[in-house]
Amino acid sequence: QVEAWVRASLGRGGHVLNVEIGNGVVDSIARPMDWQLQELAAAIRADPALAEGFNMIGYSQGALLARGYVQRYNLPRVSTLVSWVGPQAGQFGVPAWDEMIGHINKITSAMWYTPAIQERVSFAN
């Protein structure tokens, strides 16, 4: 839906590249962010319409990848980066679930920092 909205807003002659990383939902969780960032950079570099630079919108986890692209690669160059509901400064949570989430965090916190999880789960790294 966002892609259609952006296309309509740009009108004729506007170019939109909507990048799906890997197979979507599964890879967005099961693949490390570094792998996802490499896939994003490859897709951008493969599009000749972006060679002179472009504006970039990253939505949710895509906002983190967009920021990573600008920080690590930025060639072709991003003129304007829009981070749309991206957790750039972390994530707040859901107040009604604080107690339950607190218990889950006590049980799982150490696991997220093990090398095996850091290498394989996107939101752990």
PDB file of N, CA and C in Angstrom:
ATOM      1  N   GLN A   1       0.805  -1.178   0.000  1.00  0.00           N
ATOM      2  CA  GLN A   1       0.000   0.000   0.000  1.00  0.00           C
ATOM      3  C   GLN A   1       0.858   1.256   0.000  1.00  0.00           C
ATOM      4  N   VAL A   2       1.955   1.230   0.742  1.00  0.00           N
ATOM      5  CA  VAL A   2       2.842   2.395   0.773  1.00  0.00           C
ATOM      6  C   VAL A   2       3.449   2.611  -0.600  1.00  0.00           C
ATOM      7  N   GLU A   3       3.848   1.520  -1.237  1.00  0.00           N
ATOM      8  CA  GLU A   3       4.432   1.639  -2.573  1.00  0.00           C
ATOM      9  C   GLU A   3       3.453   2.316  -3.529  1.00  0.00           C
ATOM     10  N   ALA A   4       2.200   1.908  -3.521  1.00  0.00           N
ATOM     11  CA  ALA A   4       1.188   2.500  -4.406  1.00  0.00           C
ATOM     12  C   ALA A   4       0.987   3.978  -4.080  1.00  0.00           C
ATOM     13  N   TRP A   5       0.975   4.321  -2.816  1.00  0.00           N
ATOM     14  CA  TRP A   5       0.813   5.709  -2.400  1.00  0.00           C
ATOM     15  C   TRP A   5       1.986   6.563  -2.885  1.00  0.00           C
ATOM     16  N   VAL A   6       3.196   6.063  -2.724  1.00  0.00           N
ATOM     17  CA  VAL A   6       4.380   6.810  -3.172  1.00  0.00           C
ATOM     18  C   VAL A   6       4.359   6.957  -4.689  1.00  0.00           C
ATOM     19  N   ARG A   7       4.061   5.868  -5.398  1.00  0.00           N
ATOM     20  CA  ARG A   7       3.979   5.942  -6.871  1.00  0.00           C
ATOM     21  C   ARG A   7       2.962   6.992  -7.316  1.00  0.00           C
ATOM     22  N   ALA A   8       1.790   6.977  -6.713  1.00  0.00           N
ATOM     23  CA  ALA A   8       0.748   7.939  -7.082  1.00  0.00           C
ATOM     24  C   ALA A   8       1.189   9.369  -6.772  1.00  0.00           C
ATOM     25  N   SER A   9       1.884   9.551  -5.665  1.00  0.00           N
ATOM     26  CA  SER A   9       2.348  10.883  -5.279  1.00  0.00           C
ATOM     27  C   SER A   9       3.430  11.399  -6.220  1.00  0.00           C
ATOM     28  N   LEU A  10       4.283  10.520  -6.703  1.00  0.00           N
ATOM     29  CA  LEU A  10       5.358  10.929  -7.611  1.00  0.00           C
ATOM     30  C   LEU A  10       4.841  11.225  -9.015  1.00  0.00           C
ATOM     31  N   GLY A  11       3.791  10.514  -9.400  1.00  0.00           N
ATOM     32  CA  GLY A  11       3.245  10.704 -10.735  1.00  0.00           C
ATOM     33  C   GLY A  11       4.101  10.049 -11.797  1.00  0.00           C
ATOM     34  N   ARG A  12       3.785  10.350 -13.044  1.00  0.00           N
ATOM     35  CA  ARG A  12       4.523   9.761 -14.170  1.00  0.00           C
ATOM     36  C   ARG A  12       5.993  10.146 -14.088  1.00  0.00           C
ATOM     37  N   GLY A  13       6.813   9.213 -14.423  1.00  0.00           N
ATOM     38  CA  GLY A  13       8.247   9.480 -14.434  1.00  0.00           C
ATOM     39  C   GLY A  13       8.930   9.240 -13.101  1.00  0.00           C
ATOM     40  N   GLY A  14       8.153   9.095 -12.043  1.00  0.00           N
ATOM     41  CA  GLY A  14       8.744   8.795 -10.744  1.00  0.00           C
ATOM     42  C   GLY A  14       9.164   7.337 -10.697  1.00  0.00           C
ATOM     43  N   HIS A  15      10.215   7.046  -9.989  1.00  0.00           N
ATOM     44  CA  HIS A  15      10.711   5.674  -9.906  1.00  0.00           C
ATOM     45  C   HIS A  15      10.630   5.200  -8.458  1.00  0.00           C
ATOM     46  N   VAL A  16      10.084   4.018  -8.251  1.00  0.00           N
ATOM     47  CA  VAL A  16       9.993   3.425  -6.914  1.00  0.00           C
ATOM     48  C   VAL A  16      10.599   2.034  -6.965  1.00  0.00           C
ATOM     49  N   LEU A  17      11.514   1.762  -6.066  1.00  0.00           N
ATOM     50  CA  LEU A  17      12.062   0.418  -5.894  1.00  0.00           C
ATOM     51  C   LEU A  17      11.600  -0.060  -4.520  1.00  0.00           C
ATOM     52  N   ASN A  18      10.747  -1.052  -4.500  1.00  0.00           N
ATOM     53  CA  ASN A  18      10.256  -1.635  -3.254  1.00  0.00           C
ATOM     54  C   ASN A  18      11.044  -2.927  -3.042  1.00  0.00           C
ATOM     55  N   VAL A  19      11.894  -2.961  -2.045  1.00  0.00           N
ATOM     56  CA  VAL A  19      12.801  -4.094  -1.846  1.00  0.00           C
ATOM     57  C   VAL A  19      12.250  -5.044  -0.795  1.00  0.00           C
ATOM     58  N   GLU A  20      12.025  -6.270  -1.190  1.00  0.00           N
ATOM     59  CA  GLU A  20      11.658  -7.349  -0.260  1.00  0.00           C
ATOM     60  C   GLU A  20      12.950  -8.102   0.026  1.00  0.00           C
ATOM     61  N   ILE A  21      13.362  -8.139   1.270  1.00  0.00           N
ATOM     62  CA  ILE A  21      14.617  -8.791   1.632  1.00  0.00           C
ATOM     63  C   ILE A  21      14.367 -10.287   1.794  1.00  0.00           C
ATOM     64  N   GLY A  22      15.088 -11.089   1.017  1.00  0.00           N
ATOM     65  CA  GLY A  22      14.931 -12.541   1.096  1.00  0.00           C
ATOM     66  C   GLY A  22      13.501 -12.943   0.799  1.00  0.00           C
ATOM     67  N   ASN A  23      12.981 -13.838   1.614  1.00  0.00           N
ATOM     68  CA  ASN A  23      11.611 -14.308   1.382  1.00  0.00           C
ATOM     69  C   ASN A  23      10.605 -13.587   2.289  1.00  0.00           C
ATOM     70  N   GLY A  24      10.985 -12.455   2.803  1.00  0.00           N
ATOM     71  CA  GLY A  24      10.046 -11.647   3.586  1.00  0.00           C
ATOM     72  C   GLY A  24      10.045 -11.966   5.054  1.00  0.00           C
ATOM     73  N   VAL A  25       8.912 -12.369   5.570  1.00  0.00           N
ATOM     74  CA  VAL A  25       8.717 -12.522   7.011  1.00  0.00           C
ATOM     75  C   VAL A  25       9.747 -13.441   7.655  1.00  0.00           C
ATOM     76  N   VAL A  26       9.969 -14.606   7.090  1.00  0.00           N
ATOM     77  CA  VAL A  26      10.901 -15.560   7.715  1.00  0.00           C
ATOM     78  C   VAL A  26      12.309 -14.990   7.750  1.00  0.00           C
ATOM     79  N   ASP A  27      12.797 -14.492   6.607  1.00  0.00           N
ATOM     80  CA  ASP A  27      14.156 -13.950   6.573  1.00  0.00           C
ATOM     81  C   ASP A  27      14.295 -12.692   7.410  1.00  0.00           C
ATOM     82  N   SER A  28      13.221 -11.927   7.564  1.00  0.00           N
ATOM     83  CA  SER A  28      13.329 -10.709   8.369  1.00  0.00           C
ATOM     84  C   SER A  28      13.552 -11.029   9.847  1.00  0.00           C
ATOM     85  N   ILE A  29      13.221 -12.244  10.253  1.00  0.00           N
ATOM     86  CA  ILE A  29      13.453 -12.673  11.633  1.00  0.00           C
ATOM     87  C   ILE A  29      14.669 -13.578  11.717  1.00  0.00           C
ATOM     88  N   ALA A  30      14.771 -14.523  10.811  1.00  0.00           N
ATOM     89  CA  ALA A  30      15.768 -15.586  10.923  1.00  0.00           C
ATOM     90  C   ALA A  30      17.131 -15.227  10.350  1.00  0.00           C
ATOM     91  N   ARG A  31      17.247 -14.144   9.608  1.00  0.00           N
ATOM     92  CA  ARG A  31      18.539 -13.750   9.039  1.00  0.00           C
ATOM     93  C   ARG A  31      19.095 -12.562   9.805  1.00  0.00           C
ATOM     94  N   PRO A  32      20.400 -12.536  10.030  1.00  0.00           N
ATOM     95  CA  PRO A  32      21.004 -11.405  10.745  1.00  0.00           C
ATOM     96  C   PRO A  32      20.821 -10.094   9.975  1.00  0.00           C
ATOM     97  N   MET A  33      20.817  -9.001  10.694  1.00  0.00           N
ATOM     98  CA  MET A  33      20.659  -7.694  10.064  1.00  0.00           C
ATOM     99  C   MET A  33      21.779  -7.425   9.067  1.00  0.00           C
ATOM    100  N   ASP A  34      22.976  -7.883   9.338  1.00  0.00           N
ATOM    101  CA  ASP A  34      24.091  -7.662   8.412  1.00  0.00           C
ATOM    102  C   ASP A  34      23.798  -8.299   7.056  1.00  0.00           C
ATOM    103  N   TRP A  35      23.278  -9.520   7.065  1.00  0.00           N
ATOM    104  CA  TRP A  35      22.915 -10.194   5.814  1.00  0.00           C
ATOM    105  C   TRP A  35      21.822  -9.414   5.096  1.00  0.00           C
ATOM    106  N   GLN A  36      20.812  -8.954   5.846  1.00  0.00           N
ATOM    107  CA  GLN A  36      19.716  -8.194   5.257  1.00  0.00           C
ATOM    108  C   GLN A  36      20.224  -6.883   4.653  1.00  0.00           C
ATOM    109  N   LEU A  37      21.151  -6.242   5.333  1.00  0.00           N
ATOM    110  CA  LEU A  37      21.719  -4.996   4.840  1.00  0.00           C
ATOM    111  C   LEU A  37      22.494  -5.220   3.546  1.00  0.00           C
ATOM    112  N   GLN A  38      23.232  -6.304   3.466  1.00  0.00           N
ATOM    113  CA  GLN A  38      23.947  -6.632   2.228  1.00  0.00           C
ATOM    114  C   GLN A  38      22.971  -6.867   1.082  1.00  0.00           C
ATOM    115  N   GLU A  39      21.863  -7.541   1.358  1.00  0.00           N
ATOM    116  CA  GLU A  39      20.836  -7.778   0.336  1.00  0.00           C
ATOM    117  C   GLU A  39      20.225  -6.451  -0.139  1.00  0.00           C
ATOM    118  N   LEU A  40      19.967  -5.564   0.796  1.00  0.00           N
ATOM    119  CA  LEU A  40      19.416  -4.256   0.442  1.00  0.00           C
ATOM    120  C   LEU A  40      20.392  -3.491  -0.443  1.00  0.00           C
ATOM    121  N   ALA A  41      21.648  -3.441  -0.048  1.00  0.00           N
ATOM    122  CA  ALA A  41      22.663  -2.727  -0.837  1.00  0.00           C
ATOM    123  C   ALA A  41      22.774  -3.312  -2.238  1.00  0.00           C
ATOM    124  N   ALA A  42      22.739  -4.621  -2.362  1.00  0.00           N
ATOM    125  CA  ALA A  42      22.825  -5.267  -3.678  1.00  0.00           C
ATOM    126  C   ALA A  42      21.630  -4.895  -4.548  1.00  0.00           C
ATOM    127  N   ALA A  43      20.428  -4.858  -3.966  1.00  0.00           N
ATOM    128  CA  ALA A  43      19.232  -4.499  -4.729  1.00  0.00           C
ATOM    129  C   ALA A  43      19.304  -3.047  -5.202  1.00  0.00           C
ATOM    130  N   ILE A  44      19.782  -2.172  -4.352  1.00  0.00           N
ATOM    131  CA  ILE A  44      19.898  -0.753  -4.713  1.00  0.00           C
ATOM    132  C   ILE A  44      20.922  -0.583  -5.825  1.00  0.00           C
ATOM    133  N   ARG A  45      22.065  -1.212  -5.674  1.00  0.00           N
ATOM    134  CA  ARG A  45      23.133  -1.079  -6.672  1.00  0.00           C
ATOM    135  C   ARG A  45      22.759  -1.701  -8.007  1.00  0.00           C
ATOM    136  N   ALA A  46      21.844  -2.654  -7.991  1.00  0.00           N
ATOM    137  CA  ALA A  46      21.426  -3.319  -9.232  1.00  0.00           C
ATOM    138  C   ALA A  46      20.417  -2.492 -10.029  1.00  0.00           C
ATOM    139  N   ASP A  47      19.905  -1.421  -9.461  1.00  0.00           N
ATOM    140  CA  ASP A  47      18.900  -0.601 -10.141  1.00  0.00           C
ATOM    141  C   ASP A  47      19.570   0.626 -10.750  1.00  0.00           C
ATOM    142  N   PRO A  48      19.753   0.640 -12.075  1.00  0.00           N
ATOM    143  CA  PRO A  48      20.445   1.767 -12.712  1.00  0.00           C
ATOM    144  C   PRO A  48      19.735   3.111 -12.527  1.00  0.00           C
ATOM    145  N   ALA A  49      18.443   3.093 -12.269  1.00  0.00           N
ATOM    146  CA  ALA A  49      17.704   4.347 -12.064  1.00  0.00           C
ATOM    147  C   ALA A  49      18.124   5.054 -10.773  1.00  0.00           C
ATOM    148  N   LEU A  50      18.815   4.353  -9.885  1.00  0.00           N
ATOM    149  CA  LEU A  50      19.233   4.941  -8.609  1.00  0.00           C
ATOM    150  C   LEU A  50      20.691   5.394  -8.615  1.00  0.00           C
ATOM    151  N   ALA A  51      21.383   5.181  -9.705  1.00  0.00           N
ATOM    152  CA  ALA A  51      22.824   5.408  -9.773  1.00  0.00           C
ATOM    153  C   ALA A  51      23.249   6.832  -9.410  1.00  0.00           C
ATOM    154  N   GLU A  52      22.413   7.814  -9.699  1.00  0.00           N
ATOM    155  CA  GLU A  52      22.769   9.214  -9.421  1.00  0.00           C
ATOM    156  C   GLU A  52      22.287   9.675  -8.045  1.00  0.00           C
ATOM    157  N   GLY A  53      21.718   8.767  -7.267  1.00  0.00           N
ATOM    158  CA  GLY A  53      21.208   9.105  -5.944  1.00  0.00           C
ATOM    159  C   GLY A  53      19.696   8.983  -5.897  1.00  0.00           C
ATOM    160  N   PHE A  54      19.165   8.976  -4.694  1.00  0.00           N
ATOM    161  CA  PHE A  54      17.733   8.742  -4.518  1.00  0.00           C
ATOM    162  C   PHE A  54      17.305   9.136  -3.120  1.00  0.00           C
ATOM    163  N   ASN A  55      16.002   9.225  -2.924  1.00  0.00           N
ATOM    164  CA  ASN A  55      15.405   9.429  -1.608  1.00  0.00           C
ATOM    165  C   ASN A  55      14.941   8.068  -1.111  1.00  0.00           C
ATOM    166  N   MET A  56      15.043   7.847   0.174  1.00  0.00           N
ATOM    167  CA  MET A  56      14.765   6.515   0.716  1.00  0.00           C
ATOM    168  C   MET A  56      13.773   6.604   1.868  1.00  0.00           C
ATOM    169  N   ILE A  57      12.785   5.695   1.850  1.00  0.00           N
ATOM    170  CA  ILE A  57      11.842   5.551   2.954  1.00  0.00           C
ATOM    171  C   ILE A  57      12.034   4.149   3.523  1.00  0.00           C
ATOM    172  N   GLY A  58      12.273   4.062   4.810  1.00  0.00           N
ATOM    173  CA  GLY A  58      12.366   2.769   5.481  1.00  0.00           C
ATOM    174  C   GLY A  58      11.249   2.671   6.493  1.00  0.00           C
ATOM    175  N   TYR A  59      10.504   1.585   6.439  1.00  0.00           N
ATOM    176  CA  TYR A  59       9.355   1.399   7.325  1.00  0.00           C
ATOM    177  C   TYR A  59       9.657   0.300   8.341  1.00  0.00           C
ATOM    178  N   SER A  60       9.463   0.567   9.613  1.00  0.00           N
ATOM    179  CA  SER A  60       9.640  -0.381  10.701  1.00  0.00           C
ATOM    180  C   SER A  60      11.074  -0.934  10.689  1.00  0.00           C
ATOM    181  N   GLN A  61      11.241  -2.233  10.598  1.00  0.00           N
ATOM    182  CA  GLN A  61      12.591  -2.804  10.561  1.00  0.00           C
ATOM    183  C   GLN A  61      13.352  -2.298   9.334  1.00  0.00           C
ATOM    184  N   GLY A  62      12.621  -2.000   8.271  1.00  0.00           N
ATOM    185  CA  GLY A  62      13.240  -1.430   7.076  1.00  0.00           C
ATOM    186  C   GLY A  62      13.877  -0.080   7.342  1.00  0.00           C
ATOM    187  N   ALA A  63      13.369   0.647   8.345  1.00  0.00           N
ATOM    188  CA  ALA A  63      13.973   1.922   8.720  1.00  0.00           C
ATOM    189  C   ALA A  63      15.366   1.704   9.309  1.00  0.00           C
ATOM    190  N   LEU A  64      15.527   0.621  10.059  1.00  0.00           N
ATOM    191  CA  LEU A  64      16.855   0.293  10.585  1.00  0.00           C
ATOM    192  C   LEU A  64      17.806  -0.082   9.452  1.00  0.00           C
ATOM    193  N   LEU A  65      17.294  -0.849   8.489  1.00  0.00           N
ATOM    194  CA  LEU A  65      18.121  -1.224   7.339  1.00  0.00           C
ATOM    195  C   LEU A  65      18.471   0.001   6.501  1.00  0.00           C
ATOM    196  N   ALA A  66      17.532   0.907   6.328  1.00  0.00           N
ATOM    197  CA  ALA A  66      17.793   2.124   5.563  1.00  0.00           C
ATOM    198  C   ALA A  66      18.884   2.952   6.233  1.00  0.00           C
ATOM    199  N   ARG A  67      18.794   3.098   7.536  1.00  0.00           N
ATOM    200  CA  ARG A  67      19.823   3.834   8.268  1.00  0.00           C
ATOM    201  C   ARG A  67      21.171   3.124   8.151  1.00  0.00           C
ATOM    202  N   GLY A  68      21.142   1.797   8.251  1.00  0.00           N
ATOM    203  CA  GLY A  68      22.379   1.025   8.092  1.00  0.00           C
ATOM    204  C   GLY A  68      22.994   1.222   6.718  1.00  0.00           C
ATOM    205  N   TYR A  69      22.147   1.272   5.682  1.00  0.00           N
ATOM    206  CA  TYR A  69      22.641   1.500   4.323  1.00  0.00           C
ATOM    207  C   TYR A  69      23.361   2.848   4.233  1.00  0.00           C
ATOM    208  N   VAL A  70      22.740   3.890   4.772  1.00  0.00           N
ATOM    209  CA  VAL A  70      23.335   5.224   4.721  1.00  0.00           C
ATOM    210  C   VAL A  70      24.651   5.246   5.496  1.00  0.00           C
ATOM    211  N   GLN A  71      24.686   4.606   6.643  1.00  0.00           N
ATOM    212  CA  GLN A  71      25.888   4.634   7.464  1.00  0.00           C
ATOM    213  C   GLN A  71      27.013   3.774   6.897  1.00  0.00           C
ATOM    214  N   ARG A  72      26.684   2.641   6.315  1.00  0.00           N
ATOM    215  CA  ARG A  72      27.721   1.713   5.869  1.00  0.00           C
ATOM    216  C   ARG A  72      28.103   1.875   4.398  1.00  0.00           C
ATOM    217  N   TYR A  73      27.133   2.113   3.541  1.00  0.00           N
ATOM    218  CA  TYR A  73      27.378   2.125   2.092  1.00  0.00           C
ATOM    219  C   TYR A  73      27.193   3.524   1.493  1.00  0.00           C
ATOM    220  N   ASN A  74      25.994   3.972   1.449  1.00  0.00           N
ATOM    221  CA  ASN A  74      25.583   5.251   0.881  1.00  0.00           C
ATOM    222  C   ASN A  74      26.164   5.534  -0.508  1.00  0.00           C
ATOM    223  N   LEU A  75      26.259   4.497  -1.307  1.00  0.00           N
ATOM    224  CA  LEU A  75      26.646   4.628  -2.710  1.00  0.00           C
ATOM    225  C   LEU A  75      25.885   3.594  -3.505  1.00  0.00           C
ATOM    226  N   PRO A  76      24.928   3.998  -4.326  1.00  0.00           N
ATOM    227  CA  PRO A  76      24.545   5.364  -4.631  1.00  0.00           C
ATOM    228  C   PRO A  76      24.028   6.114  -3.398  1.00  0.00           C
ATOM    229  N   ARG A  77      24.185   7.414  -3.469  1.00  0.00           N
ATOM    230  CA  ARG A  77      23.938   8.290  -2.331  1.00  0.00           C
ATOM    231  C   ARG A  77      22.444   8.527  -2.074  1.00  0.00           C
ATOM    232  N   VAL A  78      22.092   8.516  -0.784  1.00  0.00           N
ATOM    233  CA  VAL A  78      20.736   8.851  -0.343  1.00  0.00           C
ATOM    234  C   VAL A  78      20.690  10.351  -0.072  1.00  0.00           C
ATOM    235  N   SER A  79      19.784  11.031  -0.744  1.00  0.00           N
ATOM    236  CA  SER A  79      19.622  12.477  -0.541  1.00  0.00           C
ATOM    237  C   SER A  79      18.805  12.763   0.713  1.00  0.00           C
ATOM    238  N   THR A  80      17.698  12.046   0.857  1.00  0.00           N
ATOM    239  CA  THR A  80      16.804  12.219   2.009  1.00  0.00           C
ATOM    240  C   THR A  80      16.405  10.844   2.518  1.00  0.00           C
ATOM    241  N   LEU A  81      16.550  10.633   3.808  1.00  0.00           N
ATOM    242  CA  LEU A  81      16.141   9.373   4.434  1.00  0.00           C
ATOM    243  C   LEU A  81      14.947   9.648   5.340  1.00  0.00           C
ATOM    244  N   VAL A  82      13.870   8.925   5.106  1.00  0.00           N
ATOM    245  CA  VAL A  82      12.693   9.008   5.966  1.00  0.00           C
ATOM    246  C   VAL A  82      12.602   7.698   6.731  1.00  0.00           C
ATOM    247  N   SER A  83      12.730   7.783   8.047  1.00  0.00           N
ATOM    248  CA  SER A  83      12.604   6.614   8.914  1.00  0.00           C
ATOM    249  C   SER A  83      11.177   6.615   9.450  1.00  0.00           C
ATOM    250  N   TRP A  84      10.373   5.700   8.928  1.00  0.00           N
ATOM    251  CA  TRP A  84       8.946   5.680   9.240  1.00  0.00           C
ATOM    252  C   TRP A  84       8.673   4.574  10.250  1.00  0.00           C
ATOM    253  N   VAL A  85       8.319   4.930  11.448  1.00  0.00           N
ATOM    254  CA  VAL A  85       8.086   4.055  12.605  1.00  0.00           C
ATOM    255  C   VAL A  85       9.211   3.043  12.816  1.00  0.00           C
ATOM    256  N   GLY A  86      10.427   3.482  12.616  1.00  0.00           N
ATOM    257  CA  GLY A  86      11.589   2.632  12.872  1.00  0.00           C
ATOM    258  C   GLY A  86      12.052   2.807  14.306  1.00  0.00           C
ATOM    259  N   PRO A  87      12.401   1.732  14.963  1.00  0.00           N
ATOM    260  CA  PRO A  87      12.838   1.818  16.361  1.00  0.00           C
ATOM    261  C   PRO A  87      14.294   2.270  16.480  1.00  0.00           C
ATOM    262  N   GLN A  88      14.599   3.479  16.012  1.00  0.00           N
ATOM    263  CA  GLN A  88      15.980   3.973  15.981  1.00  0.00           C
ATOM    264  C   GLN A  88      16.581   4.102  17.383  1.00  0.00           C
ATOM    265  N   ALA A  89      15.792   4.430  18.343  1.00  0.00           N
ATOM    266  CA  ALA A  89      16.303   4.599  19.701  1.00  0.00           C
ATOM    267  C   ALA A  89      15.776   3.507  20.622  1.00  0.00           C
ATOM    268  N   GLY A  90      15.492   2.354  20.087  1.00  0.00           N
ATOM    269  CA  GLY A  90      14.954   1.261  20.884  1.00  0.00           C
ATOM    270  C   GLY A  90      13.449   1.178  20.767  1.00  0.00           C
ATOM    271  N   GLN A  91      12.871   0.394  21.618  1.00  0.00           N
ATOM    272  CA  GLN A  91      11.437   0.133  21.552  1.00  0.00           C
ATOM    273  C   GLN A  91      10.851   0.333  22.940  1.00  0.00           C
ATOM    274  N   PHE A  92       9.687   0.965  22.997  1.00  0.00           N
ATOM    275  CA  PHE A  92       9.076   1.252  24.292  1.00  0.00           C
ATOM    276  C   PHE A  92       8.399   0.035  24.896  1.00  0.00           C
ATOM    277  N   GLY A  93       7.421  -0.507  24.241  1.00  0.00           N
ATOM    278  CA  GLY A  93       6.703  -1.642  24.792  1.00  0.00           C
ATOM    279  C   GLY A  93       5.213  -1.380  24.899  1.00  0.00           C
ATOM    280  N   VAL A  94       4.548  -2.217  25.665  1.00  0.00           N
ATOM    281  CA  VAL A  94       3.106  -2.124  25.841  1.00  0.00           C
ATOM    282  C   VAL A  94       2.842  -2.120  27.353  1.00  0.00           C
ATOM    283  N   PRO A  95       2.453  -0.957  27.899  1.00  0.00           N
ATOM    284  CA  PRO A  95       2.300  -0.857  29.360  1.00  0.00           C
ATOM    285  C   PRO A  95       1.441  -1.951  29.976  1.00  0.00           C
ATOM    286  N   ALA A  96       0.366  -2.348  29.328  1.00  0.00           N
ATOM    287  CA  ALA A  96      -0.520  -3.355  29.897  1.00  0.00           C
ATOM    288  C   ALA A  96       0.169  -4.714  30.027  1.00  0.00           C
ATOM    289  N   TRP A  97       1.254  -4.917  29.274  1.00  0.00           N
ATOM    290  CA  TRP A  97       1.948  -6.209  29.293  1.00  0.00           C
ATOM    291  C   TRP A  97       3.274  -6.152  30.051  1.00  0.00           C
ATOM    292  N   ASP A  98       3.566  -5.043  30.712  1.00  0.00           N
ATOM    293  CA  ASP A  98       4.858  -4.864  31.364  1.00  0.00           C
ATOM    294  C   ASP A  98       5.239  -6.010  32.298  1.00  0.00           C
ATOM    295  N   GLU A  99       4.311  -6.447  33.126  1.00  0.00           N
ATOM    296  CA  GLU A  99       4.626  -7.499  34.090  1.00  0.00           C
ATOM    297  C   GLU A  99       4.995  -8.797  33.373  1.00  0.00           C
ATOM    298  N   MET A 100       4.177  -9.198  32.396  1.00  0.00           N
ATOM    299  CA  MET A 100       4.455 -10.432  31.660  1.00  0.00           C
ATOM    300  C   MET A 100       5.775 -10.321  30.887  1.00  0.00           C
ATOM    301  N   ILE A 101       6.001  -9.197  30.229  1.00  0.00           N
ATOM    302  CA  ILE A 101       7.231  -9.006  29.461  1.00  0.00           C
ATOM    303  C   ILE A 101       8.438  -9.019  30.397  1.00  0.00           C
ATOM    304  N   GLY A 102       8.278  -8.456  31.574  1.00  0.00           N
ATOM    305  CA  GLY A 102       9.361  -8.489  32.564  1.00  0.00           C
ATOM    306  C   GLY A 102       9.768  -9.910  32.923  1.00  0.00           C
ATOM    307  N   HIS A 103       8.797 -10.796  33.104  1.00  0.00           N
ATOM    308  CA  HIS A 103       9.088 -12.199  33.413  1.00  0.00           C
ATOM    309  C   HIS A 103       9.780 -12.881  32.229  1.00  0.00           C
ATOM    310  N   ILE A 104       9.282 -12.629  31.032  1.00  0.00           N
ATOM    311  CA  ILE A 104       9.891 -13.229  29.835  1.00  0.00           C
ATOM    312  C   ILE A 104      11.329 -12.739  29.676  1.00  0.00           C
ATOM    313  N   ASN A 105      11.564 -11.455  29.904  1.00  0.00           N
ATOM    314  CA  ASN A 105      12.915 -10.906  29.797  1.00  0.00           C
ATOM    315  C   ASN A 105      13.878 -11.548  30.791  1.00  0.00           C
ATOM    316  N   LYS A 106      13.408 -11.798  32.005  1.00  0.00           N
ATOM    317  CA  LYS A 106      14.267 -12.450  33.004  1.00  0.00           C
ATOM    318  C   LYS A 106      14.691 -13.842  32.546  1.00  0.00           C
ATOM    319  N   ILE A 107      13.789 -14.528  31.882  1.00  0.00           N
ATOM    320  CA  ILE A 107      14.072 -15.887  31.420  1.00  0.00           C
ATOM    321  C   ILE A 107      14.962 -15.892  30.180  1.00  0.00           C
ATOM    322  N   THR A 108      14.744 -14.949  29.279  1.00  0.00           N
ATOM    323  CA  THR A 108      15.402 -15.020  27.959  1.00  0.00           C
ATOM    324  C   THR A 108      16.554 -14.043  27.734  1.00  0.00           C
ATOM    325  N   SER A 109      16.742 -13.055  28.584  1.00  0.00           N
ATOM    326  CA  SER A 109      17.703 -11.981  28.307  1.00  0.00           C
ATOM    327  C   SER A 109      19.093 -12.471  27.934  1.00  0.00           C
ATOM    328  N   ALA A 110      19.673 -13.351  28.704  1.00  0.00           N
ATOM    329  CA  ALA A 110      21.046 -13.804  28.433  1.00  0.00           C
ATOM    330  C   ALA A 110      21.153 -14.510  27.079  1.00  0.00           C
ATOM    331  N   MET A 111      20.122 -15.211  26.682  1.00  0.00           N
ATOM    332  CA  MET A 111      20.142 -15.974  25.437  1.00  0.00           C
ATOM    333  C   MET A 111      20.382 -15.087  24.219  1.00  0.00           C
ATOM    334  N   TRP A 112      19.820 -13.868  24.196  1.00  0.00           N
ATOM    335  CA  TRP A 112      19.915 -13.001  23.020  1.00  0.00           C
ATOM    336  C   TRP A 112      21.347 -12.575  22.716  1.00  0.00           C
ATOM    337  N   TYR A 113      22.229 -12.674  23.691  1.00  0.00           N
ATOM    338  CA  TYR A 113      23.605 -12.214  23.508  1.00  0.00           C
ATOM    339  C   TYR A 113      24.601 -13.339  23.275  1.00  0.00           C
ATOM    340  N   THR A 114      24.113 -14.548  23.098  1.00  0.00           N
ATOM    341  CA  THR A 114      25.007 -15.657  22.774  1.00  0.00           C
ATOM    342  C   THR A 114      25.410 -15.552  21.299  1.00  0.00           C
ATOM    343  N   PRO A 115      26.609 -15.993  20.943  1.00  0.00           N
ATOM    344  CA  PRO A 115      27.059 -15.905  19.549  1.00  0.00           C
ATOM    345  C   PRO A 115      26.094 -16.573  18.561  1.00  0.00           C
ATOM    346  N   ALA A 116      25.535 -17.721  18.930  1.00  0.00           N
ATOM    347  CA  ALA A 116      24.647 -18.434  18.017  1.00  0.00           C
ATOM    348  C   ALA A 116      23.402 -17.608  17.695  1.00  0.00           C
ATOM    349  N   ILE A 117      22.804 -16.982  18.690  1.00  0.00           N
ATOM    350  CA  ILE A 117      21.599 -16.174  18.467  1.00  0.00           C
ATOM    351  C   ILE A 117      21.962 -14.875  17.754  1.00  0.00           C
ATOM    352  N   GLN A 118      23.071 -14.235  18.132  1.00  0.00           N
ATOM    353  CA  GLN A 118      23.490 -13.005  17.481  1.00  0.00           C
ATOM    354  C   GLN A 118      23.718 -13.219  15.976  1.00  0.00           C
ATOM    355  N   GLU A 119      24.223 -14.374  15.619  1.00  0.00           N
ATOM    356  CA  GLU A 119      24.507 -14.656  14.207  1.00  0.00           C
ATOM    357  C   GLU A 119      23.256 -14.990  13.406  1.00  0.00           C
ATOM    358  N   ARG A 120      22.171 -15.407  14.067  1.00  0.00           N
ATOM    359  CA  ARG A 120      21.035 -15.968  13.345  1.00  0.00           C
ATOM    360  C   ARG A 120      19.712 -15.225  13.463  1.00  0.00           C
ATOM    361  N   VAL A 121      19.546 -14.395  14.460  1.00  0.00           N
ATOM    362  CA  VAL A 121      18.239 -13.770  14.692  1.00  0.00           C
ATOM    363  C   VAL A 121      18.376 -12.259  14.543  1.00  0.00           C
ATOM    364  N   SER A 122      17.627 -11.696  13.619  1.00  0.00           N
ATOM    365  CA  SER A 122      17.804 -10.280  13.272  1.00  0.00           C
ATOM    366  C   SER A 122      17.638  -9.331  14.445  1.00  0.00           C
ATOM    367  N   PHE A 123      16.591  -9.481  15.233  1.00  0.00           N
ATOM    368  CA  PHE A 123      16.344  -8.504  16.282  1.00  0.00           C
ATOM    369  C   PHE A 123      17.271  -8.680  17.484  1.00  0.00           C
ATOM    370  N   ALA A 124      18.120  -9.703  17.458  1.00  0.00           N
ATOM    371  CA  ALA A 124      19.101  -9.876  18.525  1.00  0.00           C
ATOM    372  C   ALA A 124      20.358  -9.075  18.251  1.00  0.00           C
ATOM    373  N   ASN A 125      20.524  -8.651  17.008  1.00  0.00           N
ATOM    374  CA  ASN A 125      21.759  -7.920  16.712  1.00  0.00           C
ATOM    375  C   ASN A 125      21.414  -6.618  16.137  1.00  0.00           C
TER     376      ASN A 125
END
